[in-house]
C-alpha cells in the first residue's frame, strides 16, 4: 500500500475543558508531520457538522474528537506512535 493523502481532522474551536488537551495534540501532530516534511491536508470540523460526522464515521467512533489522522482511507488514530503508520507507507 502506498502513501495516500494525509488528512488531519482538527478543530479551530474547542470547549473550555478541552482547549489545552486538544490544542496540544493538534500542535504535536502537525509539528511531527512538518518535521518529517510530510504533506498533509487540514480539515476543520468546527466549520461543518457534516465534516465532524464524516471524521467520526471514518474513525469508527461516534464520540471521536480531533485531531484524527488518516492516510488515504486508512485510519491512523491520534497517538504519536500511530504516526509511524504514516511514515512507513
C-alpha atoms as a PDB file:
ATOM      1  CA  UNK A   1       0.000   0.000   0.000  1.00  0.00           C
ATOM      2  CA  UNK A   2       1.410   3.400  -0.967  1.00  0.00           C
ATOM      3  CA  UNK A   3       1.261   6.707   0.748  1.00  0.00           C
ATOM      4  CA  UNK A   4      -2.179   8.230   0.418  1.00  0.00           C
ATOM      5  CA  UNK A   5      -3.182  11.776   1.084  1.00  0.00           C
ATOM      6  CA  UNK A   6      -2.612  12.526   4.759  1.00  0.00           C
ATOM      7  CA  UNK A   7      -5.663  14.210   6.239  1.00  0.00           C
ATOM      8  CA  UNK A   8      -5.719  15.675   9.719  1.00  0.00           C
ATOM      9  CA  UNK A   9      -9.172  16.433  11.054  1.00  0.00           C
ATOM     10  CA  UNK A  10      -8.819  19.207  13.617  1.00  0.00           C
ATOM     11  CA  UNK A  11     -10.887  21.955  15.187  1.00  0.00           C
ATOM     12  CA  UNK A  12     -10.219  25.656  15.404  1.00  0.00           C
ATOM     13  CA  UNK A  13     -12.852  25.941  18.161  1.00  0.00           C
ATOM     14  CA  UNK A  14     -12.781  23.958  21.409  1.00  0.00           C
ATOM     15  CA  UNK A  15     -14.771  23.944  24.612  1.00  0.00           C
ATOM     16  CA  UNK A  16     -13.034  25.380  27.662  1.00  0.00           C
ATOM     17  CA  UNK A  17     -12.361  21.960  29.261  1.00  0.00           C
ATOM     18  CA  UNK A  18     -10.830  20.591  26.090  1.00  0.00           C
ATOM     19  CA  UNK A  19      -8.802  23.587  24.948  1.00  0.00           C
ATOM     20  CA  UNK A  20      -5.430  22.621  26.375  1.00  0.00           C
ATOM     21  CA  UNK A  21      -5.518  18.894  25.562  1.00  0.00           C
ATOM     22  CA  UNK A  22      -6.990  19.207  22.054  1.00  0.00           C
ATOM     23  CA  UNK A  23      -4.789  22.132  21.036  1.00  0.00           C
ATOM     24  CA  UNK A  24      -1.696  20.373  22.406  1.00  0.00           C
ATOM     25  CA  UNK A  25      -2.451  17.156  20.489  1.00  0.00           C
ATOM     26  CA  UNK A  26      -3.189  19.079  17.294  1.00  0.00           C
ATOM     27  CA  UNK A  27       0.045  21.053  17.597  1.00  0.00           C
ATOM     28  CA  UNK A  28       2.062  17.875  18.220  1.00  0.00           C
ATOM     29  CA  UNK A  29       0.562  16.103  15.201  1.00  0.00           C
ATOM     30  CA  UNK A  30       1.236  18.974  12.802  1.00  0.00           C
ATOM     31  CA  UNK A  31       4.728  19.513  14.273  1.00  0.00           C
ATOM     32  CA  UNK A  32       5.662  15.868  13.667  1.00  0.00           C
ATOM     33  CA  UNK A  33       4.280  15.955  10.144  1.00  0.00           C
ATOM     34  CA  UNK A  34       6.153  19.201   9.432  1.00  0.00           C
ATOM     35  CA  UNK A  35       9.437  17.863  10.862  1.00  0.00           C
ATOM     36  CA  UNK A  36       9.127  14.832   8.588  1.00  0.00           C
ATOM     37  CA  UNK A  37       8.319  17.095   5.633  1.00  0.00           C
ATOM     38  CA  UNK A  38       5.050  15.239   5.123  1.00  0.00           C
ATOM     39  CA  UNK A  39       2.415  16.991   3.057  1.00  0.00           C
ATOM     40  CA  UNK A  40      -0.982  16.924   4.688  1.00  0.00           C
ATOM     41  CA  UNK A  41      -4.420  18.436   4.418  1.00  0.00           C
ATOM     42  CA  UNK A  42      -6.058  20.074   7.434  1.00  0.00           C
ATOM     43  CA  UNK A  43      -9.820  19.658   7.692  1.00  0.00           C
ATOM     44  CA  UNK A  44     -11.527  21.912  10.255  1.00  0.00           C
ATOM     45  CA  UNK A  45     -14.530  20.034  11.662  1.00  0.00           C
ATOM     46  CA  UNK A  46     -15.722  23.121  13.541  1.00  0.00           C
ATOM     47  CA  UNK A  47     -16.983  24.700  10.321  1.00  0.00           C
ATOM     48  CA  UNK A  48     -19.396  21.891   9.478  1.00  0.00           C
ATOM     49  CA  UNK A  49     -21.368  19.271  11.382  1.00  0.00           C
ATOM     50  CA  UNK A  50     -21.066  17.146   8.230  1.00  0.00           C
ATOM     51  CA  UNK A  51     -17.242  17.164   8.487  1.00  0.00           C
ATOM     52  CA  UNK A  52     -17.419  16.222  12.176  1.00  0.00           C
ATOM     53  CA  UNK A  53     -19.736  13.299  11.407  1.00  0.00           C
ATOM     54  CA  UNK A  54     -17.521  12.272   8.458  1.00  0.00           C
ATOM     55  CA  UNK A  55     -14.471  12.181  10.757  1.00  0.00           C
ATOM     56  CA  UNK A  56     -16.332  10.120  13.362  1.00  0.00           C
ATOM     57  CA  UNK A  57     -17.652   7.680  10.755  1.00  0.00           C
ATOM     58  CA  UNK A  58     -14.195   7.182   9.248  1.00  0.00           C
ATOM     59  CA  UNK A  59     -12.688   6.700  12.726  1.00  0.00           C
ATOM     60  CA  UNK A  60     -15.404   4.195  13.602  1.00  0.00           C
ATOM     61  CA  UNK A  61     -16.194   6.078  16.805  1.00  0.00           C
ATOM     62  CA  UNK A  62     -19.322   8.237  17.197  1.00  0.00           C
ATOM     63  CA  UNK A  63     -17.604  10.151  20.019  1.00  0.00           C
ATOM     64  CA  UNK A  64     -14.196  10.734  18.382  1.00  0.00           C
ATOM     65  CA  UNK A  65     -12.701  14.174  18.914  1.00  0.00           C
ATOM     66  CA  UNK A  66      -9.970  15.908  16.927  1.00  0.00           C
ATOM     67  CA  UNK A  67      -7.270  15.502  15.993  1.00  0.00           C
ATOM     68  CA  UNK A  68      -7.820  12.345  13.922  1.00  0.00           C
ATOM     69  CA  UNK A  69      -5.337  11.273  11.245  1.00  0.00           C
ATOM     70  CA  UNK A  70      -5.963   9.343   8.035  1.00  0.00           C
ATOM     71  CA  UNK A  71      -3.579   8.071   5.370  1.00  0.00           C
ATOM     72  CA  UNK A  72      -5.880   7.911   2.374  1.00  0.00           C
ATOM     73  CA  UNK A  73      -8.833   5.936   3.721  1.00  0.00           C
ATOM     74  CA  UNK A  74      -6.757   4.213   6.413  1.00  0.00           C
ATOM     75  CA  UNK A  75      -7.392   5.405   9.950  1.00  0.00           C
ATOM     76  CA  UNK A  76      -4.161   6.207  11.784  1.00  0.00           C
ATOM     77  CA  UNK A  77      -5.647   7.370  15.080  1.00  0.00           C
ATOM     78  CA  UNK A  78      -4.335  10.240  17.149  1.00  0.00           C
ATOM     79  CA  UNK A  79      -1.381   8.982  19.169  1.00  0.00           C
ATOM     80  CA  UNK A  80       2.220   9.793  18.274  1.00  0.00           C
ATOM     81  CA  UNK A  81       3.033   6.088  17.844  1.00  0.00           C
ATOM     82  CA  UNK A  82       0.281   5.869  15.229  1.00  0.00           C
ATOM     83  CA  UNK A  83       2.138   8.395  13.080  1.00  0.00           C
ATOM     84  CA  UNK A  84       4.663   5.628  12.416  1.00  0.00           C
ATOM     85  CA  UNK A  85       1.983   4.120  10.174  1.00  0.00           C
ATOM     86  CA  UNK A  86       2.028   7.259   8.064  1.00  0.00           C
ATOM     87  CA  UNK A  87       5.801   7.283   7.634  1.00  0.00           C
ATOM     88  CA  UNK A  88       6.222   3.556   6.950  1.00  0.00           C
ATOM     89  CA  UNK A  89       3.998   3.688   3.878  1.00  0.00           C
END
